[in-house]
Amino acid sequence: MAGLLAARALSETFDRVVVVERDVLPDDASDRRGVPQGKHLHGLLAGGLIALNTLFPGFDADLLAAGAVQGDIQSNIHWWVEGRLVKPEPSGIMGISCPRRLLEHTVRQRVRALPNVQIVDSCDALGLITTVDRHTVTGLRILSRADSSAAGELSADLVIDAAGRGSQSQRWLEELHYPPVEETRIPIDITYVTKLYSRERGELDGRAGTSVSAFPGLPTGAFLLAQEKDKFILTLTGIYGEVPPMDDDGIAEYVARMPARDISEFLRTATPISGPLKTHYRASVRKHYERLTRFPAGYIVTGDALCSFDPVFAQGMSVAAAEAVLLRDLLLADSSNLATDFFAEAAKIIDAPWMIAANADLRFPEAQVAQTSKGRAANEFLSLVYRAASVDAAIATAFMRVLNLLESPQRLQEPAMVARVMEVIAGNDMGASIPVQVGEP
């Protein structure tokens, strides 16, 4: 996804754009091997949908025409956070639900239609080509998987690494004697199990889904979401050693531990249409390219190669889309120091979703990563926001806008919002005893 979106960003300023892809890409909306978690639930946040519509006008209409499901994110999905249901009132935040394969296929078709973009699949990227002084990247060494003897070189004015968590950029740069890239790593040890079920009229009272988030004391979660062609996808999550079961009885027992009753009710009569799939994910990793004092010209790193998030927060594709919009805008503005400007601005894009996910994961003592005092204060206040959001629709909507990357987390700490949260907590006898100080989380 990040590579396709980067290609779209480049297409406005370069005569020729070549996408080098390891997989053999399908012509239809099929799964592919290079997305090992592709059959699990994927989410496109509202902020990500806006970015995709910016890059591809009418993109949401394309998805809907292909069978995707649309609805109000707050009222059409029940969100259980810290054991409380976020008040399900209309918010005006529209979301679209569909499988990863359909979303990627729709993007790929749009990119393939660009006259100056070529996609070369079944091809490995072997390393960078640079000037003799190693100050500038001038191309990429490649090897065809279809013909292993067909090693070659691609000359380029700009090379983008969108290779995801398997990125080789750090190794390649160190081989060129550039300094190592600093990393922030948060172990989450998350396992998720997914099954597909047929979707019948009237299930979940007609809503698109239900989500249950893990929290300290209950390290398990679930997301049941409507998909295209009358399907429901159920993804169960377990963190820090909690592993969801794969048999039907075990799944039913696992879900019964959760505060949402409608998933259990759904499973009593649901018809499975796939076997279970399991994936394990060890850590969230943020690579701080913005902190490097030396970096070659003609090279950029984006998407999961720049920052890979805890997947339960569904931030990766949306952040990649925002980074593509940023890249397009910097190129159109003829940035004189593209890499420096991109990494600095991309860090700002990453900051909010990283903080949201990291603060949530670091609440668990199993993370064994010390939280800052600001992080602890933020989590204490967010706990109050969760309580207030269960009874106050305006607070719930503000919270959902932040989660969907439509507003900064600072929105929740504005004086008027803090006052409203505390008033709701006091008025509903929710036992708030945490002192709140407005400021940077």
Protein backbone atom coordinates (compact mmCIF):
# COMPACT_ATOMS: atom_id res chain seq x y z
CA MET A 1 0.00 0.00 0.00
CA ALA A 2 2.74 2.48 0.95
CA GLY A 3 4.57 1.80 -2.31
CA LEU A 4 1.48 2.23 -4.47
CA LEU A 5 0.61 5.47 -2.69
CA ALA A 6 4.18 6.75 -3.01
CA ALA A 7 4.01 6.00 -6.75
CA ARG A 8 0.87 8.11 -6.99
CA ALA A 9 2.65 10.93 -5.13
CA LEU A 10 5.61 10.81 -7.54
CA SER A 11 3.46 10.63 -10.67
CA GLU A 12 2.76 14.37 -10.66
CA THR A 13 6.40 15.47 -10.82
CA PHE A 14 8.38 12.65 -12.49
CA ASP A 15 8.25 11.57 -16.10
CA ARG A 16 8.56 7.90 -15.19
CA VAL A 17 7.81 5.99 -11.98
CA VAL A 18 8.73 2.32 -11.53
CA VAL A 19 7.28 0.22 -8.71
CA VAL A 20 9.48 -2.80 -7.87
CA GLU A 21 7.39 -5.51 -6.21
CA ARG A 22 8.56 -8.88 -4.89
CA ASP A 23 5.19 -10.67 -5.30
CA VAL A 24 3.43 -11.66 -8.48
CA LEU A 25 0.54 -9.22 -8.32
CA PRO A 26 -2.98 -10.49 -9.07
CA ASP A 27 -5.24 -8.82 -11.59
CA ASP A 28 -8.23 -9.10 -9.27
CA ALA A 29 -8.94 -8.53 -5.56
CA SER A 30 -7.09 -11.66 -4.44
CA ASP A 31 -4.87 -12.15 -1.43
CA ARG A 32 -1.12 -12.31 -2.00
CA ARG A 33 1.71 -13.90 -0.10
CA GLY A 34 3.56 -10.65 0.63
CA VAL A 35 0.82 -9.55 3.03
CA PRO A 36 1.05 -12.33 5.64
CA GLN A 37 -1.65 -10.68 7.74
CA GLY A 38 -3.72 -9.82 4.66
CA LYS A 39 -6.61 -12.15 5.52
CA HIS A 40 -7.01 -10.66 8.98
CA LEU A 41 -9.16 -7.63 9.66
CA HIS A 42 -7.81 -4.34 8.34
CA GLY A 43 -9.13 -0.90 9.15
CA LEU A 44 -8.93 2.32 7.18
CA LEU A 45 -9.36 5.26 9.54
CA ALA A 46 -11.45 8.25 8.52
CA GLY A 47 -8.30 10.36 8.21
CA GLY A 48 -6.82 7.75 5.90
CA LEU A 49 -9.93 7.72 3.72
CA ILE A 50 -9.66 11.51 3.34
CA ALA A 51 -6.02 11.15 2.28
CA LEU A 52 -6.91 8.45 -0.26
CA ASN A 53 -9.67 10.62 -1.69
CA THR A 54 -7.11 13.43 -1.97
CA LEU A 55 -4.77 11.21 -3.98
CA PHE A 56 -7.53 9.45 -5.91
CA PRO A 57 -10.67 11.63 -6.21
CA GLY A 58 -13.79 9.48 -5.87
CA PHE A 59 -11.88 6.62 -4.26
CA ASP A 60 -14.62 6.00 -1.69
CA ALA A 61 -17.17 5.65 -4.50
CA ASP A 62 -14.94 3.02 -6.14
CA LEU A 63 -14.88 1.00 -2.92
CA LEU A 64 -18.64 1.22 -2.46
CA ALA A 65 -19.21 0.15 -6.06
CA ALA A 66 -17.03 -2.90 -5.34
CA GLY A 67 -19.23 -3.88 -2.39
CA ALA A 68 -17.59 -2.17 0.60
CA VAL A 69 -19.76 -1.25 3.59
CA GLN A 70 -20.17 2.38 4.66
CA GLY A 71 -21.52 3.82 7.89
CA ASP A 72 -21.14 6.28 10.73
CA ILE A 73 -18.11 5.13 12.71
CA GLN A 74 -19.56 6.01 16.10
CA SER A 75 -23.18 4.92 15.75
CA ASN A 76 -22.80 2.01 13.32
CA ILE A 77 -20.11 0.25 15.36
CA HIS A 78 -20.15 -0.40 19.10
CA TRP A 79 -16.78 0.44 20.68
CA TRP A 80 -16.02 -1.07 24.07
CA VAL A 81 -13.09 0.71 25.72
CA GLU A 82 -11.90 -0.27 29.20
CA GLY A 83 -15.08 -2.27 29.63
CA ARG A 84 -17.44 0.62 28.77
CA LEU A 85 -19.45 1.19 25.61
CA VAL A 86 -18.63 4.48 23.88
CA LYS A 87 -21.99 6.23 23.46
CA PRO A 88 -23.24 5.11 20.02
CA GLU A 89 -24.68 8.35 18.67
CA PRO A 90 -24.30 9.70 15.10
CA SER A 91 -21.01 11.57 14.74
CA GLY A 92 -20.81 12.49 11.08
CA ILE A 93 -17.55 10.52 10.85
CA MET A 94 -18.07 8.19 7.92
CA GLY A 95 -16.04 5.03 7.52
CA ILE A 96 -15.72 2.28 4.96
CA SER A 97 -15.17 -1.40 5.73
CA CYS A 98 -13.73 -3.92 3.28
CA PRO A 99 -11.01 -6.59 3.15
CA ARG A 100 -7.39 -5.56 2.70
CA ARG A 101 -7.28 -7.33 -0.67
CA LEU A 102 -10.17 -5.21 -2.03
CA LEU A 103 -8.70 -1.98 -0.70
CA GLU A 104 -5.29 -2.74 -2.18
CA HIS A 105 -6.77 -3.87 -5.50
CA THR A 106 -8.73 -0.63 -5.81
CA VAL A 107 -5.58 1.41 -5.15
CA ARG A 108 -3.54 -0.75 -7.54
CA GLN A 109 -6.06 -0.29 -10.35
CA ARG A 110 -5.90 3.48 -9.91
CA VAL A 111 -2.09 3.41 -9.97
CA ARG A 112 -1.96 1.11 -12.99
CA ALA A 113 -4.12 3.60 -14.85
CA LEU A 114 -1.46 6.32 -14.46
CA PRO A 115 0.30 6.57 -17.83
CA ASN A 116 3.76 7.27 -16.39
CA VAL A 117 3.76 4.49 -13.76
CA GLN A 118 5.10 0.99 -14.44
CA ILE A 119 4.75 -1.88 -11.95
CA VAL A 120 7.49 -4.52 -12.18
CA ASP A 121 6.45 -7.50 -10.09
CA SER A 122 8.22 -10.75 -9.17
CA CYS A 123 11.36 -8.72 -8.63
CA ASP A 124 13.69 -8.29 -5.64
CA ALA A 125 15.45 -5.09 -4.61
CA LEU A 126 19.08 -5.99 -3.86
CA GLY A 127 20.64 -2.70 -2.85
CA LEU A 128 21.30 0.94 -3.61
CA ILE A 129 23.44 2.46 -6.34
CA THR A 130 25.20 5.67 -5.34
CA THR A 131 27.69 8.21 -6.55
CA VAL A 132 31.34 7.46 -5.80
CA ASP A 133 31.28 9.70 -2.72
CA ARG A 134 28.09 7.91 -1.52
CA HIS A 135 26.35 11.25 -0.99
CA THR A 136 23.58 10.59 -3.52
CA VAL A 137 21.49 7.52 -4.37
CA THR A 138 21.29 7.16 -8.13
CA GLY A 139 19.40 3.90 -8.55
CA LEU A 140 18.56 0.41 -7.40
CA ARG A 141 20.03 -3.04 -8.07
CA ILE A 142 17.29 -5.58 -8.83
CA LEU A 143 16.89 -9.27 -9.56
CA SER A 144 13.97 -10.84 -11.39
CA ARG A 145 12.41 -13.81 -9.61
CA ALA A 146 11.11 -15.08 -12.92
CA ASP A 147 14.66 -15.24 -14.32
CA SER A 148 17.28 -15.36 -11.57
CA SER A 149 20.02 -14.60 -14.10
CA ALA A 150 18.37 -11.32 -15.04
CA ALA A 151 20.08 -9.08 -12.49
CA GLY A 152 19.89 -5.46 -13.47
CA GLU A 153 20.04 -1.84 -12.44
CA LEU A 154 17.43 0.89 -12.43
CA SER A 155 18.72 4.45 -12.63
CA ALA A 156 16.62 6.96 -10.72
CA ASP A 157 16.55 10.55 -9.55
CA LEU A 158 14.71 9.38 -6.43
CA VAL A 159 14.39 5.97 -4.75
CA ILE A 160 11.65 5.31 -2.19
CA ASP A 161 11.80 2.43 0.31
CA ALA A 162 8.23 1.29 0.99
CA ALA A 163 9.22 -2.31 1.76
CA GLY A 164 7.42 -2.40 5.10
CA ARG A 165 8.70 -4.21 8.18
CA GLY A 166 11.15 -6.13 6.00
CA SER A 167 12.92 -2.94 4.93
CA GLN A 168 16.65 -3.26 4.29
CA SER A 169 17.32 0.48 4.45
CA GLN A 170 19.15 0.40 7.77
CA ARG A 171 21.53 -2.32 6.54
CA TRP A 172 22.04 -0.67 3.16
CA LEU A 173 22.80 2.72 4.73
CA GLU A 174 25.24 1.24 7.23
CA GLU A 175 27.03 -0.52 4.36
CA LEU A 176 27.42 2.95 2.84
CA HIS A 177 28.92 4.13 6.17
CA TYR A 178 25.94 6.18 7.29
CA PRO A 179 25.18 6.20 11.02
CA PRO A 180 22.70 3.67 12.43
CA VAL A 181 19.09 4.78 12.75
CA GLU A 182 17.72 5.16 16.27
CA GLU A 183 14.71 2.98 17.07
CA THR A 184 11.92 3.14 19.61
CA ARG A 185 10.58 -0.35 20.20
CA ILE A 186 7.55 -1.31 22.30
CA PRO A 187 7.11 -5.06 22.77
CA ILE A 188 3.45 -6.04 22.53
CA ASP A 189 3.66 -9.78 21.83
CA ILE A 190 0.26 -9.77 20.16
CA THR A 191 -1.39 -12.80 18.59
CA TYR A 192 -4.54 -12.55 16.52
CA VAL A 193 -6.88 -15.20 15.14
CA THR A 194 -9.41 -14.55 12.38
CA LYS A 195 -12.42 -16.38 10.95
CA LEU A 196 -15.03 -15.41 8.37
CA TYR A 197 -18.78 -15.90 8.88
CA SER A 198 -21.80 -15.35 6.68
CA ARG A 199 -23.72 -12.16 7.43
CA GLU A 200 -27.49 -12.40 7.74
CA ARG A 201 -29.96 -9.53 7.73
CA GLY A 202 -30.64 -8.12 11.19
CA GLU A 203 -27.52 -9.44 12.92
CA LEU A 204 -25.98 -6.98 15.43
CA ASP A 205 -29.30 -5.11 15.10
CA GLY A 206 -28.19 -4.07 11.63
CA ARG A 207 -24.94 -2.45 12.77
CA ALA A 208 -21.66 -2.93 10.93
CA GLY A 209 -19.73 -4.23 13.90
CA THR A 210 -18.55 -4.38 17.50
CA SER A 211 -15.05 -3.78 18.84
CA VAL A 212 -13.70 -4.71 22.29
CA SER A 213 -10.31 -3.27 23.28
CA ALA A 214 -7.90 -4.98 25.64
CA PHE A 215 -6.94 -3.19 28.83
CA PRO A 216 -4.98 -4.05 32.00
CA GLY A 217 -6.85 -6.88 33.67
CA LEU A 218 -8.33 -8.08 30.37
CA PRO A 219 -5.52 -8.58 27.80
CA THR A 220 -7.96 -9.84 25.17
CA GLY A 221 -9.85 -8.10 22.41
CA ALA A 222 -12.19 -8.75 19.51
CA PHE A 223 -13.47 -6.99 16.41
CA LEU A 224 -16.50 -8.25 14.50
CA LEU A 225 -16.99 -6.22 11.33
CA ALA A 226 -19.18 -6.41 8.23
CA GLN A 227 -17.40 -6.99 4.93
CA GLU A 228 -18.42 -7.12 1.30
CA LYS A 229 -20.58 -9.92 -0.14
CA ASP A 230 -22.58 -10.55 3.05
CA LYS A 231 -19.64 -11.55 5.23
CA PHE A 232 -18.55 -10.82 8.77
CA ILE A 233 -14.91 -10.99 9.78
CA LEU A 234 -14.05 -11.77 13.40
CA THR A 235 -10.53 -11.08 14.62
CA LEU A 236 -9.62 -12.04 18.19
CA THR A 237 -6.52 -10.54 19.80
CA GLY A 238 -4.41 -11.40 22.80
CA ILE A 239 -1.39 -9.48 24.04
CA TYR A 240 1.60 -10.23 26.23
CA GLY A 241 1.28 -13.98 26.01
CA GLU A 242 -2.52 -14.27 25.78
CA VAL A 243 -3.20 -16.45 22.71
CA PRO A 244 -6.72 -16.66 21.21
CA PRO A 245 -8.00 -20.18 20.56
CA MET A 246 -8.72 -21.48 17.07
CA ASP A 247 -11.55 -23.98 17.75
CA ASP A 248 -15.20 -22.90 17.82
CA ASP A 249 -15.81 -23.80 21.47
CA GLY A 250 -12.62 -22.05 22.54
CA ILE A 251 -13.53 -18.94 20.53
CA ALA A 252 -16.96 -18.83 22.16
CA GLU A 253 -15.41 -19.10 25.63
CA TYR A 254 -12.80 -16.46 24.77
CA VAL A 255 -15.44 -13.96 23.65
CA ALA A 256 -17.65 -14.73 26.67
CA ARG A 257 -14.99 -13.18 28.93
CA MET A 258 -15.50 -9.82 27.24
CA PRO A 259 -17.97 -7.09 28.24
CA ALA A 260 -19.75 -7.01 24.85
CA ARG A 261 -22.52 -9.59 24.77
CA ASP A 262 -23.48 -9.18 21.11
CA ILE A 263 -20.42 -11.02 19.77
CA SER A 264 -21.29 -14.04 21.91
CA GLU A 265 -24.89 -13.84 20.72
CA PHE A 266 -23.72 -13.64 17.12
CA LEU A 267 -21.53 -16.74 17.48
CA ARG A 268 -24.41 -18.86 18.83
CA THR A 269 -26.07 -18.94 15.40
CA ALA A 270 -23.28 -17.78 13.06
CA THR A 271 -22.23 -19.89 10.08
CA PRO A 272 -18.43 -20.10 9.62
CA ILE A 273 -17.27 -19.84 6.02
CA SER A 274 -13.51 -20.14 6.59
CA GLY A 275 -11.06 -21.87 8.84
CA PRO A 276 -9.11 -19.94 11.49
CA LEU A 277 -5.90 -18.04 10.71
CA LYS A 278 -3.29 -17.04 13.28
CA THR A 279 -0.60 -14.33 13.17
CA HIS A 280 1.89 -13.16 15.77
CA TYR A 281 3.39 -9.68 15.96
CA ARG A 282 6.19 -8.94 18.41
CA ALA A 283 6.63 -5.19 18.67
CA SER A 284 5.78 -1.73 17.46
CA VAL A 285 8.88 -0.12 15.97
CA ARG A 286 9.51 3.52 15.14
CA LYS A 287 12.67 4.38 13.21
CA HIS A 288 13.86 7.93 13.77
CA TYR A 289 15.26 8.93 10.40
CA GLU A 290 14.43 12.52 11.33
CA ARG A 291 17.26 12.42 13.90
CA LEU A 292 20.00 11.53 11.43
CA THR A 293 22.55 14.25 10.75
CA ARG A 294 23.75 12.53 7.57
CA PHE A 295 21.54 10.97 4.91
CA PRO A 296 22.04 10.51 1.17
CA ALA A 297 20.22 12.69 -1.31
CA GLY A 298 17.79 10.95 -3.63
CA TYR A 299 16.41 8.54 -1.05
CA ILE A 300 13.28 8.38 1.15
CA VAL A 301 11.84 5.78 3.56
CA THR A 302 8.08 5.66 4.10
CA GLY A 303 5.20 3.55 5.44
CA ASP A 304 5.88 0.64 7.79
CA ALA A 305 9.58 0.88 6.88
CA LEU A 306 9.50 4.17 8.77
CA CYS A 307 7.11 3.20 11.57
CA SER A 308 5.17 -0.03 12.15
CA PHE A 309 2.31 0.35 14.61
CA ASP A 310 0.46 -2.04 16.90
CA PRO A 311 -1.97 -3.47 14.29
CA VAL A 312 -5.04 -3.35 16.56
CA PHE A 313 -5.13 0.44 16.18
CA ALA A 314 -5.44 0.20 12.36
CA GLN A 315 -3.12 3.16 11.82
CA GLY A 316 -0.56 1.88 9.31
CA MET A 317 -2.38 2.35 6.00
CA SER A 318 -3.83 5.71 7.05
CA VAL A 319 -0.43 7.05 8.09
CA ALA A 320 1.10 5.79 4.83
CA ALA A 321 -1.60 7.67 2.91
CA ALA A 322 -0.89 10.87 4.84
CA GLU A 323 2.83 10.46 4.16
CA ALA A 324 2.11 10.07 0.43
CA VAL A 325 0.15 13.34 0.43
CA LEU A 326 3.08 14.97 2.24
CA LEU A 327 5.56 13.61 -0.30
CA ARG A 328 3.46 14.83 -3.21
CA ASP A 329 3.19 18.32 -1.70
CA LEU A 330 6.94 18.58 -0.98
CA LEU A 331 7.73 17.56 -4.55
CA LEU A 332 5.25 20.05 -5.98
CA ALA A 333 6.82 22.74 -3.79
CA ASP A 334 10.26 21.73 -5.18
CA SER A 335 11.75 21.12 -1.74
CA SER A 336 15.48 21.83 -1.81
CA ASN A 337 16.28 19.17 0.81
CA LEU A 338 13.63 16.54 0.23
CA ALA A 339 14.77 13.84 2.67
CA THR A 340 15.29 16.24 5.59
CA ASP A 341 11.97 17.97 4.99
CA PHE A 342 10.09 14.71 4.49
CA PHE A 343 11.41 12.98 7.59
CA ALA A 344 10.79 16.05 9.75
CA GLU A 345 7.19 16.44 8.58
CA ALA A 346 6.51 12.69 8.54
CA ALA A 347 7.61 12.55 12.19
CA LYS A 348 4.83 15.03 12.97
CA ILE A 349 2.31 12.83 11.14
CA ILE A 350 3.52 9.80 13.10
CA ASP A 351 3.60 11.50 16.51
CA ALA A 352 -0.13 11.42 17.25
CA PRO A 353 -0.94 7.82 16.22
CA TRP A 354 2.27 6.59 17.84
CA MET A 355 1.38 8.32 21.09
CA ILE A 356 -2.17 6.90 21.01
CA ALA A 357 -1.00 3.33 20.51
CA ALA A 358 2.15 3.51 22.65
CA ASN A 359 0.43 5.02 25.67
CA ALA A 360 -2.29 2.38 25.47
CA ASP A 361 0.22 -0.49 25.25
CA LEU A 362 2.49 0.86 27.98
CA ARG A 363 -0.37 0.70 30.49
CA PHE A 364 0.38 -3.02 30.71
CA PRO A 365 3.17 -3.87 33.15
CA GLU A 366 4.12 -6.76 30.85
CA ALA A 367 5.47 -4.19 28.37
CA GLN A 368 8.44 -3.74 30.73
CA VAL A 369 9.04 -0.28 29.30
CA ALA A 370 9.02 2.62 31.74
CA GLN A 371 6.40 5.25 30.98
CA THR A 372 7.25 8.90 31.25
CA SER A 373 5.39 10.98 33.81
CA LYS A 374 3.60 12.70 30.92
CA GLY A 375 2.57 9.32 29.53
CA ARG A 376 1.18 8.20 32.88
CA ALA A 377 -0.71 11.48 33.26
CA ALA A 378 -2.12 11.11 29.75
CA ASN A 379 -3.35 7.59 30.48
CA GLU A 380 -4.93 8.68 33.75
CA PHE A 381 -6.81 11.43 31.98
CA LEU A 382 -7.79 9.18 29.07
CA SER A 383 -9.30 6.77 31.57
CA LEU A 384 -11.62 9.61 32.59
CA VAL A 385 -12.36 10.38 28.94
CA TYR A 386 -13.37 6.75 28.37
CA ARG A 387 -15.79 6.89 31.31
CA ALA A 388 -17.28 10.19 30.19
CA ALA A 389 -17.54 9.02 26.57
CA SER A 390 -19.83 6.22 27.69
CA VAL A 391 -22.54 8.72 28.65
CA ASP A 392 -21.75 11.92 26.72
CA ALA A 393 -22.06 11.84 22.91
CA ALA A 394 -19.99 15.00 22.32
CA ILE A 395 -17.05 13.64 24.31
CA ALA A 396 -17.45 10.31 22.51
CA THR A 397 -17.31 12.05 19.13
CA ALA A 398 -14.23 14.08 20.12
CA PHE A 399 -12.55 10.84 21.20
CA MET A 400 -13.47 9.10 17.93
CA ARG A 401 -12.16 12.03 15.87
CA VAL A 402 -8.80 11.73 17.62
CA LEU A 403 -8.65 7.96 17.10
CA ASN A 404 -9.45 8.45 13.41
CA LEU A 405 -6.62 10.96 12.96
CA LEU A 406 -9.01 13.79 12.19
CA GLU A 407 -7.81 15.85 15.14
CA SER A 408 -4.77 15.99 17.39
CA PRO A 409 -4.88 14.30 20.81
CA GLN A 410 -4.49 17.81 22.20
CA ARG A 411 -8.17 18.31 21.35
CA LEU A 412 -9.07 16.16 24.37
CA GLN A 413 -6.97 18.33 26.68
CA GLU A 414 -8.40 21.70 25.70
CA PRO A 415 -9.74 23.49 28.80
CA ALA A 416 -13.38 23.32 27.67
CA MET A 417 -13.12 19.59 26.96
CA VAL A 418 -11.38 18.88 30.27
CA ALA A 419 -14.09 20.81 32.09
CA ARG A 420 -16.81 18.87 30.27
CA VAL A 421 -15.17 15.53 31.06
CA MET A 422 -14.86 16.37 34.75
CA GLU A 423 -18.44 17.64 34.88
CA VAL A 424 -19.77 14.45 33.29
CA ILE A 425 -17.69 12.30 35.63
CA ALA A 426 -18.92 14.17 38.70
CA GLY A 427 -22.52 14.34 37.49
CA ASN A 428 -22.68 10.60 36.90
CA ASP A 429 -20.91 9.63 40.12
CA MET A 430 -18.08 7.87 38.27
CA GLY A 431 -15.64 8.34 41.10
CA ALA A 432 -13.05 10.61 39.49
CA SER A 433 -10.27 11.31 41.94
CA ILE A 434 -7.43 11.90 39.48
CA PRO A 435 -6.11 15.47 39.40
CA VAL A 436 -6.04 16.77 35.83
CA GLN A 437 -3.46 19.19 34.51
CA VAL A 438 -3.97 20.50 30.99
CA GLY A 439 -0.83 20.36 28.88
CA GLU A 440 1.29 18.20 26.64
CA PRO A 441 0.54 14.47 27.12
